[in-house]
N, C-alpha and C. Protein backbone atom coordinates (compact mmCIF):
# COMPACT_ATOMS: atom_id res chain seq x y z
N MET A 1 0.83 -1.20 0.00
CA MET A 1 0.00 0.00 0.00
C MET A 1 0.87 1.25 0.00
N LYS A 2 1.91 1.24 0.81
CA LYS A 2 2.79 2.40 0.87
C LYS A 2 3.49 2.61 -0.48
N LYS A 3 3.89 1.51 -1.12
CA LYS A 3 4.55 1.62 -2.41
C LYS A 3 3.58 2.17 -3.46
N LEU A 4 2.33 1.75 -3.39
CA LEU A 4 1.32 2.25 -4.32
C LEU A 4 1.14 3.75 -4.16
N PHE A 5 1.03 4.20 -2.93
CA PHE A 5 0.86 5.62 -2.64
C PHE A 5 2.04 6.42 -3.17
N ILE A 6 3.24 5.94 -2.93
CA ILE A 6 4.44 6.63 -3.39
C ILE A 6 4.49 6.64 -4.91
N SER A 7 4.13 5.51 -5.53
CA SER A 7 4.13 5.43 -6.99
C SER A 7 3.15 6.43 -7.59
N ILE A 8 1.96 6.52 -7.01
CA ILE A 8 0.96 7.46 -7.51
C ILE A 8 1.46 8.89 -7.32
N LEU A 9 2.07 9.16 -6.20
CA LEU A 9 2.59 10.50 -5.93
C LEU A 9 3.68 10.87 -6.95
N VAL A 10 4.59 9.96 -7.20
CA VAL A 10 5.66 10.21 -8.17
C VAL A 10 5.08 10.38 -9.57
N LEU A 11 4.12 9.55 -9.92
CA LEU A 11 3.49 9.66 -11.23
C LEU A 11 2.80 11.01 -11.38
N GLY A 12 2.05 11.41 -10.36
CA GLY A 12 1.38 12.70 -10.41
C GLY A 12 2.36 13.85 -10.56
N PHE A 13 3.44 13.79 -9.81
CA PHE A 13 4.46 14.85 -9.90
C PHE A 13 5.09 14.87 -11.28
N THR A 14 5.38 13.70 -11.81
CA THR A 14 6.00 13.61 -13.13
C THR A 14 5.08 14.16 -14.21
N LEU A 15 3.81 13.76 -14.15
CA LEU A 15 2.86 14.26 -15.14
C LEU A 15 2.68 15.77 -15.03
N THR A 16 2.67 16.26 -13.81
CA THR A 16 2.54 17.70 -13.60
C THR A 16 3.75 18.43 -14.18
N THR A 17 4.92 17.88 -13.95
CA THR A 17 6.15 18.51 -14.43
C THR A 17 6.22 18.48 -15.95
N LEU A 18 5.81 17.37 -16.54
CA LEU A 18 5.90 17.24 -17.99
C LEU A 18 4.81 18.00 -18.73
N ASN A 19 3.73 18.29 -18.04
CA ASN A 19 2.63 19.01 -18.67
C ASN A 19 3.09 20.44 -18.98
N ALA A 20 2.81 20.88 -20.17
CA ALA A 20 3.27 22.20 -20.60
C ALA A 20 2.33 23.28 -20.09
N CYS A 21 2.63 23.82 -18.94
CA CYS A 21 1.85 24.92 -18.36
C CYS A 21 2.62 26.21 -18.60
N SER A 22 1.90 27.20 -19.07
CA SER A 22 2.58 28.47 -19.35
C SER A 22 2.38 29.49 -18.24
N THR A 23 1.55 29.16 -17.25
CA THR A 23 1.32 30.12 -16.17
C THR A 23 1.43 29.45 -14.81
N ILE A 24 1.66 30.23 -13.81
CA ILE A 24 1.72 29.73 -12.44
C ILE A 24 0.37 29.15 -12.04
N GLU A 25 -0.70 29.80 -12.47
CA GLU A 25 -2.05 29.32 -12.16
C GLU A 25 -2.26 27.92 -12.74
N GLY A 26 -1.80 27.70 -13.95
CA GLY A 26 -1.94 26.40 -14.59
C GLY A 26 -1.18 25.32 -13.84
N ILE A 27 0.00 25.64 -13.38
CA ILE A 27 0.81 24.69 -12.61
C ILE A 27 0.10 24.35 -11.31
N GLY A 28 -0.45 25.36 -10.65
CA GLY A 28 -1.17 25.14 -9.40
C GLY A 28 -2.38 24.23 -9.59
N LYS A 29 -3.11 24.44 -10.66
CA LYS A 29 -4.28 23.60 -10.94
C LYS A 29 -3.86 22.15 -11.19
N ASP A 30 -2.77 21.96 -11.94
CA ASP A 30 -2.30 20.61 -12.23
C ASP A 30 -1.86 19.90 -10.95
N LYS A 31 -1.17 20.62 -10.09
CA LYS A 31 -0.73 20.01 -8.83
C LYS A 31 -1.93 19.67 -7.95
N LYS A 32 -2.94 20.52 -7.97
CA LYS A 32 -4.14 20.26 -7.19
C LYS A 32 -4.82 18.99 -7.70
N ARG A 33 -4.94 18.85 -9.01
CA ARG A 33 -5.56 17.65 -9.58
C ARG A 33 -4.75 16.40 -9.25
N ALA A 34 -3.44 16.51 -9.30
CA ALA A 34 -2.59 15.36 -8.96
C ALA A 34 -2.79 14.98 -7.50
N GLY A 35 -2.86 15.96 -6.62
CA GLY A 35 -3.09 15.70 -5.21
C GLY A 35 -4.45 15.06 -4.96
N GLN A 36 -5.45 15.50 -5.68
CA GLN A 36 -6.78 14.91 -5.54
C GLN A 36 -6.79 13.47 -6.01
N ALA A 37 -6.05 13.17 -7.07
CA ALA A 37 -5.96 11.79 -7.55
C ALA A 37 -5.29 10.89 -6.52
N VAL A 38 -4.25 11.40 -5.89
CA VAL A 38 -3.56 10.63 -4.86
C VAL A 38 -4.50 10.38 -3.68
N GLU A 39 -5.22 11.41 -3.25
CA GLU A 39 -6.16 11.25 -2.13
C GLU A 39 -7.25 10.25 -2.47
N LYS A 40 -7.78 10.32 -3.66
CA LYS A 40 -8.84 9.41 -4.08
C LYS A 40 -8.34 7.97 -4.07
N GLU A 41 -7.15 7.76 -4.60
CA GLU A 41 -6.59 6.40 -4.64
C GLU A 41 -6.28 5.90 -3.23
N ALA A 42 -5.80 6.78 -2.39
CA ALA A 42 -5.48 6.38 -1.01
C ALA A 42 -6.75 5.97 -0.25
N LYS A 43 -7.85 6.66 -0.51
CA LYS A 43 -9.12 6.33 0.15
C LYS A 43 -9.63 4.96 -0.27
N LYS A 44 -9.33 4.57 -1.51
CA LYS A 44 -9.75 3.24 -2.00
C LYS A 44 -9.06 2.12 -1.24
N HIS A 45 -7.84 2.38 -0.80
CA HIS A 45 -7.06 1.33 -0.14
C HIS A 45 -7.05 1.63 1.32
């Protein structure tokens, strides 16, 4: 479970970093979505 959580967190961070955001607001929204995905997955387990 801990490995899954870490994997999801790393994946979210990677996708956020690779996503081409041109503004600070866009980066913030992407990070928020990644965090929500991690929380949702953590609640499942």
